[in-house]
Amino acid sequence: MTDDHFPDRRRTGRTRLLSVTGVVVVGAVAGSLLLWHQQVGDALGLGADKRPVVSTNSAPAYSAPPATTAPTRTPTARRTTTNTPTRTTTSPTKKATKKPTQVPREEDIDALSPKLEARLKKAFAAAAAAGVPIRINSGKRSAAKQQRLLNEAIQKYGSYKVATRWVLPPKYSAHVLGKAVDIAPAAAMTWLDKNGWRYGICRRYDNEPWHFEAITTPGTKCPPREPHALAKADDD
């Protein structure tokens, strides 16, 4: 064997080394370019939409995570205060005392019947203008008082018949009905006996100059006087 074959072997090894080196260099450059391209794409946002596609065939169904709700606060029962009425101690009030009904006095003109009252007021005003004062000694009487007066008259005169000439029983008395008056003083009796007819007032009995009743129409003369009062026959 001669030395002429050695240069060819050396040349072949150098060529292989250069090829491998070239491949490595090219691969490095290509890798650098790819890496640079990816970095540039990321910087420019070109690969933002490229997401990996995942198959959902075998994936479990998606369920939204349970909503975390804030723990509900159970309202505590509000303490209710019952407004119990406060007892106020007040001093005992005086019970309204009912005023006793005032019994009209016999001298009161307003206790008489409306007709007699109205006529007497006019007559009394005329008498006062003439300077004659008039007052009522006895007007309306209770039945009890009339009966008492009759009992006293019976004791005085000794019989019912004579007593009733002065005092009639309650059921016949004009005083009990408020339709008669006994007036005073004597001057008033005289004036009213003379002028009473103008106002419808008349003296009724001869034996009682003080006893007057409204037994005529005003302006009309009085009827003749009776000698005395007279009780019914069944009361004898």
C-alpha atoms as a PDB file:
ATOM      1  CA  MET A   1       0.000   0.000   0.000  1.00  0.00           C
ATOM      2  CA  THR A   2       1.322   3.516  -0.905  1.00  0.00           C
ATOM      3  CA  ASP A   3       0.846   6.995   0.781  1.00  0.00           C
ATOM      4  CA  ASP A   4      -1.342   8.276  -2.059  1.00  0.00           C
ATOM      5  CA  HIS A   5      -4.531   7.103  -0.344  1.00  0.00           C
ATOM      6  CA  PHE A   6      -4.048   9.150   2.859  1.00  0.00           C
ATOM      7  CA  PRO A   7      -4.972  12.533   1.408  1.00  0.00           C
ATOM      8  CA  ASP A   8      -8.350  11.186   0.288  1.00  0.00           C
ATOM      9  CA  ARG A   9      -9.169   9.876   3.706  1.00  0.00           C
ATOM     10  CA  ARG A  10      -8.260  13.155   5.288  1.00  0.00           C
ATOM     11  CA  ARG A  11     -10.343  15.020   2.822  1.00  0.00           C
ATOM     12  CA  THR A  12     -13.371  12.856   3.506  1.00  0.00           C
ATOM     13  CA  GLY A  13     -13.137  13.390   7.261  1.00  0.00           C
ATOM     14  CA  ARG A  14     -12.876  17.112   6.864  1.00  0.00           C
ATOM     15  CA  THR A  15     -15.909  17.134   4.622  1.00  0.00           C
ATOM     16  CA  ARG A  16     -17.976  15.214   7.158  1.00  0.00           C
ATOM     17  CA  LEU A  17     -16.875  17.541   9.918  1.00  0.00           C
ATOM     18  CA  LEU A  18     -17.875  20.549   7.923  1.00  0.00           C
ATOM     19  CA  SER A  19     -21.263  18.958   7.109  1.00  0.00           C
ATOM     20  CA  VAL A  20     -21.988  18.214  10.721  1.00  0.00           C
ATOM     21  CA  THR A  21     -20.854  21.652  11.773  1.00  0.00           C
ATOM     22  CA  GLY A  22     -23.056  23.211   9.079  1.00  0.00           C
ATOM     23  CA  VAL A  23     -26.053  21.225  10.211  1.00  0.00           C
ATOM     24  CA  VAL A  24     -25.476  22.257  13.784  1.00  0.00           C
ATOM     25  CA  VAL A  25     -25.066  25.880  12.831  1.00  0.00           C
ATOM     26  CA  VAL A  26     -28.145  25.810  10.623  1.00  0.00           C
ATOM     27  CA  GLY A  27     -30.153  24.138  13.393  1.00  0.00           C
ATOM     28  CA  ALA A  28     -28.977  26.711  15.894  1.00  0.00           C
ATOM     29  CA  VAL A  29     -29.845  29.546  13.584  1.00  0.00           C
ATOM     30  CA  ALA A  30     -33.240  28.059  12.799  1.00  0.00           C
ATOM     31  CA  GLY A  31     -33.938  27.555  16.493  1.00  0.00           C
ATOM     32  CA  SER A  32     -32.893  31.095  17.232  1.00  0.00           C
ATOM     33  CA  LEU A  33     -35.143  32.366  14.490  1.00  0.00           C
ATOM     34  CA  LEU A  34     -38.102  30.356  15.779  1.00  0.00           C
ATOM     35  CA  LEU A  35     -37.499  31.535  19.311  1.00  0.00           C
ATOM     36  CA  TRP A  36     -37.171  35.115  18.166  1.00  0.00           C
ATOM     37  CA  HIS A  37     -40.308  34.795  16.036  1.00  0.00           C
ATOM     38  CA  GLN A  38     -42.283  33.482  19.015  1.00  0.00           C
ATOM     39  CA  GLN A  39     -41.007  36.215  21.304  1.00  0.00           C
ATOM     40  CA  VAL A  40     -41.864  38.863  18.711  1.00  0.00           C
ATOM     41  CA  GLY A  41     -45.322  37.322  18.222  1.00  0.00           C
ATOM     42  CA  ASP A  42     -45.941  37.313  21.977  1.00  0.00           C
ATOM     43  CA  ALA A  43     -44.762  40.874  22.251  1.00  0.00           C
ATOM     44  CA  LEU A  44     -47.137  41.949  19.463  1.00  0.00           C
ATOM     45  CA  GLY A  45     -50.049  39.835  20.823  1.00  0.00           C
ATOM     46  CA  LEU A  46     -50.217  37.681  17.693  1.00  0.00           C
ATOM     47  CA  GLY A  47     -50.488  34.441  19.557  1.00  0.00           C
ATOM     48  CA  ALA A  48     -52.990  35.576  22.203  1.00  0.00           C
ATOM     49  CA  ASP A  49     -55.875  33.823  20.491  1.00  0.00           C
ATOM     50  CA  LYS A  50     -54.077  30.547  20.061  1.00  0.00           C
ATOM     51  CA  ARG A  51     -55.384  28.494  22.932  1.00  0.00           C
ATOM     52  CA  PRO A  52     -55.065  24.732  23.110  1.00  0.00           C
ATOM     53  CA  VAL A  53     -58.261  22.958  21.992  1.00  0.00           C
ATOM     54  CA  VAL A  54     -59.327  20.433  24.556  1.00  0.00           C
ATOM     55  CA  SER A  55     -61.802  17.686  23.630  1.00  0.00           C
ATOM     56  CA  THR A  56     -64.973  17.668  25.715  1.00  0.00           C
ATOM     57  CA  ASN A  57     -66.144  14.205  24.785  1.00  0.00           C
ATOM     58  CA  SER A  58     -64.865  12.526  27.880  1.00  0.00           C
ATOM     59  CA  ALA A  59     -64.741  15.612  30.093  1.00  0.00           C
ATOM     60  CA  PRO A  60     -67.264  15.764  32.967  1.00  0.00           C
ATOM     61  CA  ALA A  61     -70.168  18.190  32.584  1.00  0.00           C
ATOM     62  CA  TYR A  62     -69.345  21.631  33.813  1.00  0.00           C
ATOM     63  CA  SER A  63     -71.161  22.785  36.853  1.00  0.00           C
ATOM     64  CA  ALA A  64     -70.855  26.242  38.240  1.00  0.00           C
ATOM     65  CA  PRO A  65     -69.268  26.395  41.644  1.00  0.00           C
ATOM     66  CA  PRO A  66     -71.837  26.756  44.388  1.00  0.00           C
ATOM     67  CA  ALA A  67     -72.587  30.366  45.121  1.00  0.00           C
ATOM     68  CA  THR A  68     -71.241  31.368  48.418  1.00  0.00           C
ATOM     69  CA  THR A  69     -74.128  33.075  50.152  1.00  0.00           C
ATOM     70  CA  ALA A  70     -73.616  35.161  53.176  1.00  0.00           C
ATOM     71  CA  PRO A  71     -74.903  33.427  56.268  1.00  0.00           C
ATOM     72  CA  THR A  72     -78.449  34.548  56.919  1.00  0.00           C
ATOM     73  CA  ARG A  73     -78.923  36.217  60.217  1.00  0.00           C
ATOM     74  CA  THR A  74     -81.854  34.862  62.086  1.00  0.00           C
ATOM     75  CA  PRO A  75     -83.512  37.940  63.527  1.00  0.00           C
ATOM     76  CA  THR A  76     -83.616  37.684  67.199  1.00  0.00           C
ATOM     77  CA  ALA A  77     -86.982  38.349  68.714  1.00  0.00           C
ATOM     78  CA  ARG A  78     -87.120  41.948  69.643  1.00  0.00           C
ATOM     79  CA  ARG A  79     -87.924  42.426  73.218  1.00  0.00           C
ATOM     80  CA  THR A  80     -91.329  43.991  73.349  1.00  0.00           C
ATOM     81  CA  THR A  81     -92.154  46.000  76.347  1.00  0.00           C
ATOM     82  CA  THR A  82     -95.795  45.942  77.191  1.00  0.00           C
ATOM     83  CA  ASN A  83     -96.933  49.352  78.195  1.00  0.00           C
ATOM     84  CA  THR A  84     -98.647  48.563  81.394  1.00  0.00           C
ATOM     85  CA  PRO A  85    -100.723  51.545  82.409  1.00  0.00           C
ATOM     86  CA  THR A  86     -99.149  53.324  85.273  1.00  0.00           C
ATOM     87  CA  ARG A  87    -101.417  53.674  88.188  1.00  0.00           C
ATOM     88  CA  THR A  88    -101.654  57.199  89.314  1.00  0.00           C
ATOM     89  CA  THR A  89    -102.809  57.615  92.777  1.00  0.00           C
ATOM     90  CA  THR A  90    -105.090  60.567  92.880  1.00  0.00           C
ATOM     91  CA  SER A  91    -106.819  61.903  95.810  1.00  0.00           C
ATOM     92  CA  PRO A  92    -110.402  60.774  95.885  1.00  0.00           C
ATOM     93  CA  THR A  93    -112.563  63.311  94.190  1.00  0.00           C
ATOM     94  CA  LYS A  94    -115.539  64.551  95.991  1.00  0.00           C
ATOM     95  CA  LYS A  95    -118.653  62.930  94.723  1.00  0.00           C
ATOM     96  CA  ALA A  96    -120.887  65.474  93.121  1.00  0.00           C
ATOM     97  CA  THR A  97    -123.645  65.924  95.572  1.00  0.00           C
ATOM     98  CA  LYS A  98    -126.994  66.217  93.953  1.00  0.00           C
ATOM     99  CA  LYS A  99    -128.619  69.408  94.929  1.00  0.00           C
ATOM    100  CA  PRO A 100    -131.987  68.767  96.454  1.00  0.00           C
ATOM    101  CA  THR A 101    -134.848  69.858  94.296  1.00  0.00           C
ATOM    102  CA  GLN A 102    -136.058  73.123  95.652  1.00  0.00           C
ATOM    103  CA  VAL A 103    -139.740  73.051  96.449  1.00  0.00           C
ATOM    104  CA  PRO A 104    -141.299  76.310  95.327  1.00  0.00           C
ATOM    105  CA  ARG A 105    -142.384  78.507  98.178  1.00  0.00           C
ATOM    106  CA  GLU A 106    -145.971  79.544  98.470  1.00  0.00           C
ATOM    107  CA  GLU A 107    -144.869  83.145  97.959  1.00  0.00           C
ATOM    108  CA  ASP A 108    -143.253  82.433  94.564  1.00  0.00           C
ATOM    109  CA  ILE A 109    -145.270  83.858  91.709  1.00  0.00           C
ATOM    110  CA  ASP A 110    -143.580  81.573  89.164  1.00  0.00           C
ATOM    111  CA  ALA A 111    -145.054  78.508  90.949  1.00  0.00           C
ATOM    112  CA  LEU A 112    -148.532  79.534  89.856  1.00  0.00           C
ATOM    113  CA  SER A 113    -150.337  78.512  86.691  1.00  0.00           C
ATOM    114  CA  PRO A 114    -149.057  80.374  83.622  1.00  0.00           C
ATOM    115  CA  LYS A 115    -152.342  82.268  83.161  1.00  0.00           C
ATOM    116  CA  LEU A 116    -152.549  83.503  86.746  1.00  0.00           C
ATOM    117  CA  GLU A 117    -148.841  84.345  86.836  1.00  0.00           C
ATOM    118  CA  ALA A 118    -148.987  86.462  83.673  1.00  0.00           C
ATOM    119  CA  ARG A 119    -152.052  88.383  84.825  1.00  0.00           C
ATOM    120  CA  LEU A 120    -150.726  89.016  88.334  1.00  0.00           C
ATOM    121  CA  LYS A 121    -147.448  90.416  86.985  1.00  0.00           C
ATOM    122  CA  LYS A 122    -149.336  93.051  85.021  1.00  0.00           C
ATOM    123  CA  ALA A 123    -151.589  93.864  87.966  1.00  0.00           C
ATOM    124  CA  PHE A 124    -148.648  94.096  90.385  1.00  0.00           C
ATOM    125  CA  ALA A 125    -146.793  96.428  88.018  1.00  0.00           C
ATOM    126  CA  ALA A 126    -149.833  98.726  87.827  1.00  0.00           C
ATOM    127  CA  ALA A 127    -150.237  98.667  91.611  1.00  0.00           C
ATOM    128  CA  ALA A 128    -146.575  99.529  92.123  1.00  0.00           C
ATOM    129  CA  ALA A 129    -146.948 102.424  89.694  1.00  0.00           C
ATOM    130  CA  ALA A 130    -149.893 103.613  91.795  1.00  0.00           C
ATOM    131  CA  GLY A 131    -147.770 103.371  94.929  1.00  0.00           C
ATOM    132  CA  VAL A 132    -149.481 100.257  96.296  1.00  0.00           C
ATOM    133  CA  PRO A 133    -147.126  97.414  97.169  1.00  0.00           C
ATOM    134  CA  ILE A 134    -148.535  93.901  96.821  1.00  0.00           C
ATOM    135  CA  ARG A 135    -147.115  90.629  98.066  1.00  0.00           C
ATOM    136  CA  ILE A 136    -148.289  87.015  97.976  1.00  0.00           C
ATOM    137  CA  ASN A 137    -148.899  85.428 101.341  1.00  0.00           C
ATOM    138  CA  SER A 138    -149.869  82.031  99.982  1.00  0.00           C
ATOM    139  CA  GLY A 139    -150.014  80.796  96.413  1.00  0.00           C
ATOM    140  CA  LYS A 140    -149.538  77.205  95.268  1.00  0.00           C
ATOM    141  CA  ARG A 141    -149.787  74.686  98.113  1.00  0.00           C
ATOM    142  CA  SER A 142    -149.043  71.019  98.357  1.00  0.00           C
ATOM    143  CA  ALA A 143    -151.929  68.637  98.890  1.00  0.00           C
ATOM    144  CA  ALA A 144    -150.418  67.627 102.241  1.00  0.00           C
ATOM    145  CA  LYS A 145    -150.394  71.197 103.487  1.00  0.00           C
ATOM    146  CA  GLN A 146    -153.952  71.778 102.271  1.00  0.00           C
ATOM    147  CA  GLN A 147    -155.095  68.715 104.175  1.00  0.00           C
ATOM    148  CA  ARG A 148    -153.295  69.893 107.313  1.00  0.00           C
ATOM    149  CA  LEU A 149    -154.977  73.301 107.084  1.00  0.00           C
ATOM    150  CA  LEU A 150    -158.346  71.596 106.717  1.00  0.00           C
ATOM    151  CA  ASN A 151    -157.727  69.437 109.784  1.00  0.00           C
ATOM    152  CA  GLU A 152    -156.817  72.525 111.790  1.00  0.00           C
ATOM    153  CA  ALA A 153    -159.985  74.300 110.592  1.00  0.00           C
ATOM    154  CA  ILE A 154    -162.127  71.330 111.625  1.00  0.00           C
ATOM    155  CA  GLN A 155    -160.645  71.471 115.123  1.00  0.00           C
ATOM    156  CA  LYS A 156    -161.167  75.222 115.238  1.00  0.00           C
ATOM    157  CA  TYR A 157    -164.762  75.343 113.994  1.00  0.00           C
ATOM    158  CA  GLY A 158    -165.851  71.991 115.352  1.00  0.00           C
ATOM    159  CA  SER A 159    -167.299  70.562 112.123  1.00  0.00           C
ATOM    160  CA  TYR A 160    -166.254  69.674 108.630  1.00  0.00           C
ATOM    161  CA  LYS A 161    -169.079  71.692 107.084  1.00  0.00           C
ATOM    162  CA  VAL A 162    -168.128  74.946 108.763  1.00  0.00           C
ATOM    163  CA  ALA A 163    -164.396  74.324 108.260  1.00  0.00           C
ATOM    164  CA  THR A 164    -164.787  73.909 104.488  1.00  0.00           C
ATOM    165  CA  ARG A 165    -166.229  77.412 104.237  1.00  0.00           C
ATOM    166  CA  TRP A 166    -162.671  78.549 104.883  1.00  0.00           C
ATOM    167  CA  VAL A 167    -160.491  75.682 103.749  1.00  0.00           C
ATOM    168  CA  LEU A 168    -161.461  73.293 100.970  1.00  0.00           C
ATOM    169  CA  PRO A 169    -160.253  69.683 100.765  1.00  0.00           C
ATOM    170  CA  PRO A 170    -157.116  69.229  98.562  1.00  0.00           C
ATOM    171  CA  LYS A 171    -159.034  67.780  95.603  1.00  0.00           C
ATOM    172  CA  TYR A 172    -161.234  70.910  95.378  1.00  0.00           C
ATOM    173  CA  SER A 173    -158.710  73.562  96.302  1.00  0.00           C
ATOM    174  CA  ALA A 174    -157.596  76.097  93.674  1.00  0.00           C
ATOM    175  CA  HIS A 175    -154.436  76.627  95.730  1.00  0.00           C
ATOM    176  CA  VAL A 176    -153.281  73.046  95.124  1.00  0.00           C
ATOM    177  CA  LEU A 177    -153.683  73.640  91.375  1.00  0.00           C
ATOM    178  CA  GLY A 178    -151.743  76.920  91.540  1.00  0.00           C
ATOM    179  CA  LYS A 179    -154.833  78.890  90.458  1.00  0.00           C
ATOM    180  CA  ALA A 180    -155.407  81.042  93.579  1.00  0.00           C
ATOM    181  CA  VAL A 181    -153.468  83.500  95.724  1.00  0.00           C
ATOM    182  CA  ASP A 182    -153.906  85.084  99.128  1.00  0.00           C
ATOM    183  CA  ILE A 183    -152.376  88.557  99.057  1.00  0.00           C
ATOM    184  CA  ALA A 184    -151.377  91.237 101.574  1.00  0.00           C
ATOM    185  CA  PRO A 185    -151.459  93.863 102.969  1.00  0.00           C
ATOM    186  CA  ALA A 186    -154.993  95.205 103.382  1.00  0.00           C
ATOM    187  CA  ALA A 187    -154.353  98.169 101.025  1.00  0.00           C
ATOM    188  CA  ALA A 188    -153.320  95.715  98.303  1.00  0.00           C
ATOM    189  CA  MET A 189    -156.526  93.715  98.815  1.00  0.00           C
ATOM    190  CA  THR A 190    -158.619  96.854  98.364  1.00  0.00           C
ATOM    191  CA  TRP A 191    -156.735  98.011  95.265  1.00  0.00           C
ATOM    192  CA  LEU A 192    -156.886  94.585  93.572  1.00  0.00           C
ATOM    193  CA  ASP A 193    -160.562  94.120  94.403  1.00  0.00           C
ATOM    194  CA  LYS A 194    -161.286  97.444  92.676  1.00  0.00           C
ATOM    195  CA  ASN A 195    -158.876  97.164  89.702  1.00  0.00           C
ATOM    196  CA  GLY A 196    -158.230  93.459  89.296  1.00  0.00           C
ATOM    197  CA  TRP A 197    -160.873  92.939  86.576  1.00  0.00           C
ATOM    198  CA  ARG A 198    -158.763  95.029  84.184  1.00  0.00           C
ATOM    199  CA  TYR A 199    -156.209  92.186  84.300  1.00  0.00           C
ATOM    200  CA  GLY A 200    -158.655  89.280  84.665  1.00  0.00           C
ATOM    201  CA  ILE A 201    -158.177  88.962  88.447  1.00  0.00           C
ATOM    202  CA  CYS A 202    -161.195  88.750  90.786  1.00  0.00           C
ATOM    203  CA  ARG A 203    -161.950  88.381  94.458  1.00  0.00           C
ATOM    204  CA  ARG A 204    -164.073  85.237  94.730  1.00  0.00           C
ATOM    205  CA  TYR A 205    -165.506  84.979  98.286  1.00  0.00           C
ATOM    206  CA  ASP A 206    -167.189  87.495 100.558  1.00  0.00           C
ATOM    207  CA  ASN A 207    -165.627  86.030 103.692  1.00  0.00           C
ATOM    208  CA  GLU A 208    -162.057  86.049 102.260  1.00  0.00           C
ATOM    209  CA  PRO A 209    -160.957  89.531 101.142  1.00  0.00           C
ATOM    210  CA  TRP A 210    -157.435  88.185 100.515  1.00  0.00           C
ATOM    211  CA  HIS A 211    -158.373  85.354  98.088  1.00  0.00           C
ATOM    212  CA  PHE A 212    -158.117  86.096  94.329  1.00  0.00           C
ATOM    213  CA  GLU A 213    -158.386  83.964  91.192  1.00  0.00           C
ATOM    214  CA  ALA A 214    -158.212  84.497  87.413  1.00  0.00           C
ATOM    215  CA  ILE A 215    -161.902  83.892  86.752  1.00  0.00           C
ATOM    216  CA  THR A 216    -162.737  86.537  84.167  1.00  0.00           C
ATOM    217  CA  THR A 217    -161.440  87.790  80.841  1.00  0.00           C
ATOM    218  CA  PRO A 218    -159.118  90.807  81.192  1.00  0.00           C
ATOM    219  CA  GLY A 219    -161.192  93.988  80.799  1.00  0.00           C
ATOM    220  CA  THR A 220    -164.417  92.242  81.745  1.00  0.00           C
ATOM    221  CA  LYS A 221    -166.224  92.854  85.032  1.00  0.00           C
ATOM    222  CA  CYS A 222    -165.859  90.149  87.684  1.00  0.00           C
ATOM    223  CA  PRO A 223    -168.781  87.787  88.366  1.00  0.00           C
ATOM    224  CA  PRO A 224    -170.740  88.230  91.633  1.00  0.00           C
ATOM    225  CA  ARG A 225    -168.842  87.042  94.664  1.00  0.00           C
ATOM    226  CA  GLU A 226    -169.757  83.863  96.466  1.00  0.00           C
ATOM    227  CA  PRO A 227    -170.493  84.104 100.218  1.00  0.00           C
ATOM    228  CA  HIS A 228    -167.885  81.458 101.047  1.00  0.00           C
ATOM    229  CA  ALA A 229    -166.255  78.334  99.744  1.00  0.00           C
ATOM    230  CA  LEU A 230    -168.480  75.301  99.487  1.00  0.00           C
ATOM    231  CA  ALA A 231    -167.447  71.698  99.643  1.00  0.00           C
ATOM    232  CA  LYS A 232    -169.209  68.984  97.685  1.00  0.00           C
ATOM    233  CA  ALA A 233    -172.171  67.243  99.371  1.00  0.00           C
ATOM    234  CA  ASP A 234    -170.368  63.880  99.439  1.00  0.00           C
ATOM    235  CA  ASP A 235    -167.722  65.390 101.705  1.00  0.00           C
ATOM    236  CA  ASP A 236    -170.229  66.346 104.431  1.00  0.00           C
END
